[in-house]
Structure formats: C-alpha cells, structure tokens
Amino acid sequence: MNKVNHPFWVIVNKEIADHVKSWRFIILIGIIALTCMGSLYTALTNISAAIKPNDPDGSFLFLKLFTVSDGTLPSFVLFINFLGPLLGIALGFDAVNSEQNKGTLSRMLSQPIHRDCIINAKFVAALIVIGIMLFVLGFLVMGFGLIAIGIPPTAEEFWRIVFFIITSVFYVAFWLNLAILFSLRFRQAATSALASVAVWLFFSIFYTMIVNLVAKGLSPSEMASPYQIISYQKFILGLMRLAPSELFNEATTTLLMPSVRSLGPLTMEQVQGAIPSPLPLGQSLLVVWPQLTGLIAATVICFAISYSMFMRREIRSR
C-alpha cells in the first residue's frame, strides 16, 4: 500500500525544489559562499596576530575564525549580518503575488487542501533552505579551520557556533517573513522586493544616523548625575535595539566572544572587582536571551500578520 503524503509536505517539497533550482537562489548562494570563504581566508592569515597575551578570549581559538578580520574583508559574522537579509528577501518577496498573478494560486486552492497549508508551507520551505545553507556554511568554516589549524574545537566552542548559526537562522527568518508580508500587501513582485530592500537599507544605514542625531540632541550636560547619564545611555541603547541588525550583532558578539559579560551600561560599583574571565555558555545565553526573544518575537509577529492577511484575502487572479 502506497503511503499518501500530507498536502502540506507536498507543497513544502515543491517550494524547496523551486527555490533550489532558481537562478536567483544559485547566484545569491554563490555570492554568500565566496564572501564567506574570503572572510575565512582573512581570518586564517591573521589569526596569529589576533591572539594576545592578556586576551581572555585567547583560549577560544576556533571562535576567532568567525570574528577576526584585518580590515580588508569583513568577518564571517558581518557578512551574515549584511547578506543574510538579502537571502531572506530573495526567497520571500514573490512568494504569493507571483503565483496569484500567474493564476496558479487559485488552481492550487481548488484542490482539497486547507488554505493555511499554502502560507505555512511557503514559510517552512524557505526556512528549511535557509537553515541548511547557514549550517553548511558554518560547518564548512569549521572544517577548513580544523584542517588549517589542526586543533579541534572544544565542546563549548562547538555549541557556541551552533547557537550562533541558530541565531542567524532566526535573523534571516525575520527578513523572510517581512518579504512574504510585502508579497501579500503588494500585487507586483517588483514593488514588494523594492519595499523589502528599502526597509533593509533603512535599518542598515539610515536608522543609525537618526539615532545618532537623537543622541546628540538629548545629550546630558557635564553637570548631569551618574544616574541621568546611565538613563540616557539606556534610552539610546533601547532605540538602537529596535533594529534587527543590532539585536543580531549583540547576540552574536556575546556568543562568539565569551569575555563579553554585559550588553548595557555599567556603574563603577558593578565594574569594580569583576574578574576579566570568559563566561560559560549558559551565562552567555542568559545575557543574550532578551535579544534572541526580540528576534523570535519580530519573526512571529510578521508571520502572524502575513497569515491573517492571506486567510482573509481574495486570491482569484484578475
């Protein structure tokens, strides 16, 4: 007796095949792979200079493969921060509107399947592609680093890299859901792609400029008390954390640099007596838990809005 697959997984397999076979995905994965290999080469050629006598992160040699750079090329983390959103946008900006314009969406819904299977399958399929790609790139960097250095990563280094990749998946998933949302909001794929790229450019370039202007205008006077200065710093830091890229930067910095003990302003009483030693993995996860929660919440909110819009909209092609 032949096993009948659930319609959800049939659509997921179909979407994964469409993504993998598209020239758009092939070109983008080629760019990301080349840039990441370039950052790995830069890290390997400068890793000896990055190890300093009093560096608390000196014992975590493998983690430096993802963070070290000599200035000619950004590090692996910065490449994921910059190119990851483009991957999510490329997989989601025409998820719904292109099929609706072709008439294939109404044809698909004429079959005995639930409507929410389509939007769920499109998100899950793209998320699977993103997850596999990022894990493959991360393990390739680990493999090449193992061959070049000759020292295997410790268990803590391995799990820190795994959590870094999982954080990257959530970060790219946010931009994927945002692109799917715009594909539901706009009928033309070019418009949804332009809107997604505009939001990405705003948070990547212009948002930091706006926050800097606000920080300059609200800067406390020289006679301000320490409490007022810390409150001002927390307010500006809160504004910066509205950007997904800032949440991703803080999370990955803490995971890949165990010496980072706090992500906010500290008083002299808190700093005094602190031992400059690396944190264990569990403590680092506690430090970045608000950032991870923020990324996951933003991803879920975008998907919930897309789900609601898709379930309520008229899908017949006109």
Protein backbone atom coordinates (compact mmCIF):
# COMPACT_ATOMS: atom_id res chain seq x y z
CA MET A 1 0.00 0.00 0.00
CA ASN A 2 1.46 3.34 -1.08
CA LYS A 3 1.82 5.98 1.58
CA VAL A 4 -0.01 9.21 0.76
CA ASN A 5 1.92 12.32 1.76
CA HIS A 6 0.15 15.13 3.57
CA PRO A 7 -0.62 18.07 1.24
CA PHE A 8 1.44 20.33 3.49
CA TRP A 9 4.65 18.35 2.88
CA VAL A 10 3.87 18.03 -0.82
CA ILE A 11 3.79 21.84 -1.07
CA VAL A 12 6.93 22.13 1.08
CA ASN A 13 8.85 19.76 -1.24
CA LYS A 14 7.60 21.65 -4.28
CA GLU A 15 8.66 25.03 -2.81
CA ILE A 16 12.11 23.73 -1.81
CA ALA A 17 12.65 22.39 -5.33
CA ASP A 18 11.58 25.74 -6.82
CA HIS A 19 13.99 27.64 -4.56
CA VAL A 20 16.98 25.39 -5.15
CA LYS A 21 16.52 25.30 -8.94
CA SER A 22 16.03 29.05 -9.37
CA TRP A 23 18.88 31.15 -10.75
CA ARG A 24 18.11 33.79 -8.15
CA PHE A 25 18.98 31.40 -5.33
CA ILE A 26 22.02 29.93 -7.12
CA ILE A 27 23.53 33.38 -7.75
CA LEU A 28 22.88 34.54 -4.18
CA ILE A 29 24.26 31.39 -2.57
CA GLY A 30 27.35 31.69 -4.78
CA ILE A 31 27.93 35.28 -3.63
CA ILE A 32 27.46 34.38 0.03
CA ALA A 33 29.71 31.31 -0.22
CA LEU A 34 32.52 33.25 -1.95
CA THR A 35 32.40 36.12 0.51
CA CYS A 36 32.34 33.76 3.50
CA MET A 37 35.31 31.81 2.15
CA GLY A 38 37.11 35.12 1.63
CA SER A 39 36.45 36.09 5.25
CA LEU A 40 37.70 32.65 6.36
CA TYR A 41 40.95 33.12 4.42
CA THR A 42 41.40 36.55 6.02
CA ALA A 43 40.77 35.08 9.47
CA LEU A 44 43.25 32.23 8.94
CA THR A 45 46.02 34.56 7.75
CA ASN A 46 45.53 36.93 10.70
CA ILE A 47 44.59 34.55 13.48
CA SER A 48 48.10 34.51 14.96
CA ALA A 49 48.11 38.31 15.24
CA ALA A 50 44.68 38.21 16.90
CA ILE A 51 45.95 36.15 19.83
CA LYS A 52 47.24 38.48 22.53
CA PRO A 53 48.90 37.56 25.86
CA ASN A 54 46.20 39.05 28.12
CA ASP A 55 43.23 38.28 25.87
CA PRO A 56 40.52 36.44 27.87
CA ASP A 57 39.21 35.01 24.57
CA GLY A 58 42.65 33.65 23.61
CA SER A 59 41.73 30.12 24.65
CA PHE A 60 38.75 30.14 22.25
CA LEU A 61 40.84 29.93 19.09
CA PHE A 62 38.13 28.37 16.94
CA LEU A 63 35.66 31.17 17.60
CA LYS A 64 38.10 33.70 16.17
CA LEU A 65 37.56 32.15 12.73
CA PHE A 66 34.15 33.82 12.73
CA THR A 67 35.17 37.20 14.21
CA VAL A 68 38.77 38.01 13.16
CA SER A 69 39.40 40.46 10.31
CA ASP A 70 42.33 42.59 9.21
CA GLY A 71 40.18 45.31 7.64
CA THR A 72 40.49 44.20 4.01
CA LEU A 73 37.43 41.95 4.26
CA PRO A 74 34.75 41.91 6.97
CA SER A 75 34.47 38.92 9.27
CA PHE A 76 32.14 35.98 8.72
CA VAL A 77 29.65 37.44 11.23
CA LEU A 78 29.50 40.78 9.42
CA PHE A 79 28.94 39.06 6.07
CA ILE A 80 25.99 37.12 7.51
CA ASN A 81 24.66 40.33 9.05
CA PHE A 82 24.85 42.13 5.69
CA LEU A 83 23.97 39.41 3.16
CA GLY A 84 21.60 37.32 5.30
CA PRO A 85 18.66 39.74 4.88
CA LEU A 86 19.13 39.67 1.10
CA LEU A 87 18.78 35.88 1.19
CA GLY A 88 15.55 36.11 3.18
CA ILE A 89 14.16 38.83 0.91
CA ALA A 90 15.10 36.87 -2.25
CA LEU A 91 13.19 33.80 -1.04
CA GLY A 92 10.05 35.63 0.05
CA PHE A 93 9.35 38.78 -1.97
CA ASP A 94 7.30 36.94 -4.62
CA ALA A 95 6.01 34.06 -2.50
CA VAL A 96 2.31 34.88 -3.03
CA ASN A 97 1.83 37.69 -5.54
CA SER A 98 3.69 35.95 -8.38
CA GLU A 99 1.56 32.81 -8.08
CA GLN A 100 -1.59 34.90 -7.84
CA ASN A 101 -0.67 36.83 -10.99
CA LYS A 102 0.00 33.57 -12.85
CA GLY A 103 -3.28 32.06 -11.68
CA THR A 104 -1.59 29.04 -10.09
CA LEU A 105 -2.66 30.04 -6.57
CA SER A 106 -6.38 29.74 -7.30
CA ARG A 107 -5.72 26.49 -9.14
CA MET A 108 -3.88 25.14 -6.11
CA LEU A 109 -6.71 26.12 -3.75
CA SER A 110 -9.22 24.34 -5.96
CA GLN A 111 -7.65 21.12 -4.70
CA PRO A 112 -8.82 19.54 -1.40
CA ILE A 113 -6.24 21.30 0.81
CA HIS A 114 -6.57 23.82 3.59
CA ARG A 115 -5.79 27.41 2.71
CA ASP A 116 -3.36 27.86 5.61
CA CYS A 117 -1.28 24.92 4.32
CA ILE A 118 -0.04 27.14 1.50
CA ILE A 119 1.26 30.07 3.58
CA ASN A 120 2.66 27.73 6.23
CA ALA A 121 4.40 25.55 3.62
CA LYS A 122 5.94 28.56 1.86
CA PHE A 123 7.45 29.78 5.14
CA VAL A 124 8.64 26.34 6.29
CA ALA A 125 10.19 25.52 2.90
CA ALA A 126 12.15 28.77 2.76
CA LEU A 127 13.17 28.33 6.42
CA ILE A 128 14.48 24.83 5.69
CA VAL A 129 16.52 26.14 2.76
CA ILE A 130 17.92 28.98 4.89
CA GLY A 131 18.73 26.66 7.81
CA ILE A 132 20.51 24.08 5.66
CA MET A 133 22.52 26.77 3.86
CA LEU A 134 23.68 28.50 7.05
CA PHE A 135 24.55 25.25 8.81
CA VAL A 136 26.50 24.07 5.76
CA LEU A 137 28.44 27.35 5.60
CA GLY A 138 29.13 27.28 9.33
CA PHE A 139 30.36 23.69 9.29
CA LEU A 140 32.46 24.39 6.19
CA VAL A 141 34.21 27.18 8.07
CA MET A 142 34.77 24.80 10.98
CA GLY A 143 36.06 22.08 8.66
CA PHE A 144 38.51 24.33 6.81
CA GLY A 145 39.61 25.82 10.11
CA LEU A 146 40.23 22.36 11.54
CA ILE A 147 42.37 21.45 8.51
CA ALA A 148 44.34 24.72 8.65
CA ILE A 149 44.81 24.99 12.42
CA GLY A 150 45.00 21.32 13.27
CA ILE A 151 43.25 21.82 16.61
CA PRO A 152 39.68 20.52 17.02
CA PRO A 153 37.12 22.78 18.68
CA THR A 154 36.16 22.14 22.27
CA ALA A 155 32.60 21.15 23.16
CA GLU A 156 31.81 24.68 24.32
CA GLU A 157 33.20 26.23 21.13
CA PHE A 158 31.14 23.83 19.04
CA TRP A 159 27.90 24.62 20.85
CA ARG A 160 28.61 28.36 20.74
CA ILE A 161 28.95 28.11 16.96
CA VAL A 162 25.73 26.05 16.75
CA PHE A 163 23.81 28.67 18.76
CA PHE A 164 25.32 31.40 16.58
CA ILE A 165 24.00 29.62 13.46
CA ILE A 166 20.56 29.18 15.05
CA THR A 167 20.52 32.90 15.86
CA SER A 168 21.44 33.63 12.23
CA VAL A 169 18.52 31.47 11.06
CA PHE A 170 16.07 33.49 13.17
CA TYR A 171 17.61 36.72 11.91
CA VAL A 172 17.21 35.75 8.26
CA ALA A 173 13.73 34.33 9.01
CA PHE A 174 12.62 37.80 10.13
CA TRP A 175 13.51 39.28 6.74
CA LEU A 176 11.90 36.29 5.02
CA ASN A 177 8.61 36.93 6.84
CA LEU A 178 8.83 40.64 6.11
CA ALA A 179 9.26 39.88 2.40
CA ILE A 180 6.30 37.46 2.49
CA LEU A 181 4.23 40.17 4.18
CA PHE A 182 5.06 42.63 1.40
CA SER A 183 4.29 39.96 -1.23
CA LEU A 184 0.79 39.84 0.27
CA ARG A 185 0.48 43.61 0.59
CA PHE A 186 1.60 44.48 -2.97
CA ARG A 187 0.34 42.84 -6.12
CA GLN A 188 3.53 43.28 -8.16
CA ALA A 189 6.67 41.33 -7.20
CA ALA A 190 8.93 44.26 -8.10
CA THR A 191 7.10 46.53 -5.67
CA SER A 192 7.32 44.02 -2.81
CA ALA A 193 11.03 43.48 -3.50
CA LEU A 194 11.67 47.24 -3.53
CA ALA A 195 9.74 47.72 -0.27
CA SER A 196 11.69 44.91 1.43
CA VAL A 197 15.05 46.28 0.29
CA ALA A 198 14.01 49.78 1.38
CA VAL A 199 13.27 48.56 4.92
CA TRP A 200 16.60 46.68 4.98
CA LEU A 201 18.51 49.77 3.83
CA PHE A 202 16.69 51.96 6.36
CA PHE A 203 17.70 49.79 9.32
CA SER A 204 21.19 49.09 7.95
CA ILE A 205 22.22 52.67 7.11
CA PHE A 206 19.77 55.43 7.95
CA TYR A 207 18.42 54.24 11.29
CA THR A 208 21.83 54.54 12.94
CA MET A 209 22.16 58.11 11.61
CA ILE A 210 18.74 59.02 13.04
CA VAL A 211 19.60 57.55 16.45
CA ASN A 212 22.91 59.43 16.46
CA LEU A 213 21.07 62.70 15.77
CA VAL A 214 18.63 61.95 18.61
CA ALA A 215 21.55 61.07 20.91
CA LYS A 216 23.30 64.33 20.06
CA GLY A 217 20.17 66.37 20.70
CA LEU A 218 19.41 64.69 24.03
CA SER A 219 22.99 64.53 25.28
CA PRO A 220 23.12 65.35 29.02
CA SER A 221 25.16 68.26 30.29
CA GLU A 222 28.51 67.96 32.03
CA MET A 223 26.80 68.57 35.38
CA ALA A 224 24.45 65.60 34.98
CA SER A 225 24.43 62.97 37.68
CA PRO A 226 25.63 59.41 37.01
CA TYR A 227 22.02 58.22 37.24
CA GLN A 228 20.97 60.63 34.47
CA ILE A 229 23.90 59.58 32.28
CA ILE A 230 23.08 55.87 32.68
CA SER A 231 19.38 56.54 31.97
CA TYR A 232 20.37 58.43 28.81
CA GLN A 233 22.65 55.59 27.68
CA LYS A 234 19.91 53.00 28.33
CA PHE A 235 17.41 55.08 26.31
CA ILE A 236 19.75 55.38 23.31
CA LEU A 237 20.62 51.67 23.56
CA GLY A 238 16.89 50.86 23.60
CA LEU A 239 16.41 52.88 20.42
CA MET A 240 19.28 51.04 18.74
CA ARG A 241 17.78 47.69 19.70
CA LEU A 242 14.69 48.42 17.64
CA ALA A 243 16.84 47.49 14.63
CA PRO A 244 17.04 43.71 13.97
CA SER A 245 20.67 44.03 12.92
CA GLU A 246 21.59 45.49 16.33
CA LEU A 247 19.91 42.57 18.13
CA PHE A 248 21.79 40.16 15.89
CA ASN A 249 25.11 41.95 16.47
CA GLU A 250 24.73 41.89 20.24
CA ALA A 251 23.67 38.24 20.32
CA THR A 252 26.48 37.01 18.06
CA THR A 253 29.11 39.15 19.79
CA THR A 254 28.24 37.61 23.15
CA LEU A 255 28.07 34.06 21.80
CA LEU A 256 31.34 34.23 19.86
CA MET A 257 33.27 36.36 22.38
CA PRO A 258 32.86 34.71 25.81
CA SER A 259 34.61 37.61 27.59
CA VAL A 260 31.57 39.86 26.97
CA ARG A 261 29.79 39.97 30.33
CA SER A 262 27.16 42.67 29.74
CA LEU A 263 25.45 44.44 26.84
CA GLY A 264 24.36 47.57 28.70
CA PRO A 265 25.95 50.43 30.65
CA LEU A 266 27.55 49.51 33.98
CA THR A 267 28.24 51.56 37.08
CA MET A 268 31.64 51.72 38.75
CA GLU A 269 30.30 49.58 41.59
CA GLN A 270 29.38 46.85 39.11
CA VAL A 271 32.73 47.01 37.32
CA GLN A 272 34.84 47.12 40.48
CA GLY A 273 36.04 43.69 41.49
CA ALA A 274 34.91 41.96 38.28
CA ILE A 275 37.29 39.24 37.12
CA PRO A 276 38.11 39.50 33.37
CA SER A 277 37.41 35.85 32.62
CA PRO A 278 35.20 34.29 29.91
CA LEU A 279 31.63 33.39 30.76
CA PRO A 280 30.38 29.81 30.44
CA LEU A 281 27.93 29.09 27.63
CA GLY A 282 24.89 29.04 29.91
CA GLN A 283 25.66 32.50 31.27
CA SER A 284 26.24 33.89 27.77
CA LEU A 285 22.84 32.54 26.71
CA LEU A 286 21.25 34.29 29.68
CA VAL A 287 22.92 37.57 28.64
CA VAL A 288 21.61 37.36 25.05
CA TRP A 289 18.20 35.88 25.91
CA PRO A 290 16.41 39.28 25.52
CA GLN A 291 18.00 39.73 22.07
CA LEU A 292 17.00 36.21 20.99
CA THR A 293 13.49 36.76 22.31
CA GLY A 294 13.25 40.02 20.38
CA LEU A 295 14.31 38.40 17.10
CA ILE A 296 11.91 35.49 17.56
CA ALA A 297 9.05 37.83 18.55
CA ALA A 298 9.60 40.05 15.49
CA THR A 299 9.63 36.95 13.26
CA VAL A 300 6.43 35.58 14.80
CA ILE A 301 4.64 38.94 14.56
CA CYS A 302 5.49 39.31 10.85
CA PHE A 303 4.33 35.77 10.15
CA ALA A 304 1.11 36.24 12.14
CA ILE A 305 0.24 39.38 10.14
CA SER A 306 1.02 37.56 6.87
CA TYR A 307 -1.08 34.57 7.96
CA SER A 308 -4.04 36.80 8.83
CA MET A 309 -3.83 38.71 5.55
CA PHE A 310 -3.59 35.52 3.49
CA MET A 311 -6.55 33.88 5.21
CA ARG A 312 -8.76 36.95 4.62
CA ARG A 313 -7.79 37.99 1.11
CA GLU A 314 -9.39 37.24 -2.24
CA ILE A 315 -6.99 35.01 -4.14
CA ARG A 316 -8.63 34.84 -7.57
CA SER A 317 -6.42 36.29 -10.31
CA ARG A 318 -7.79 39.30 -12.11
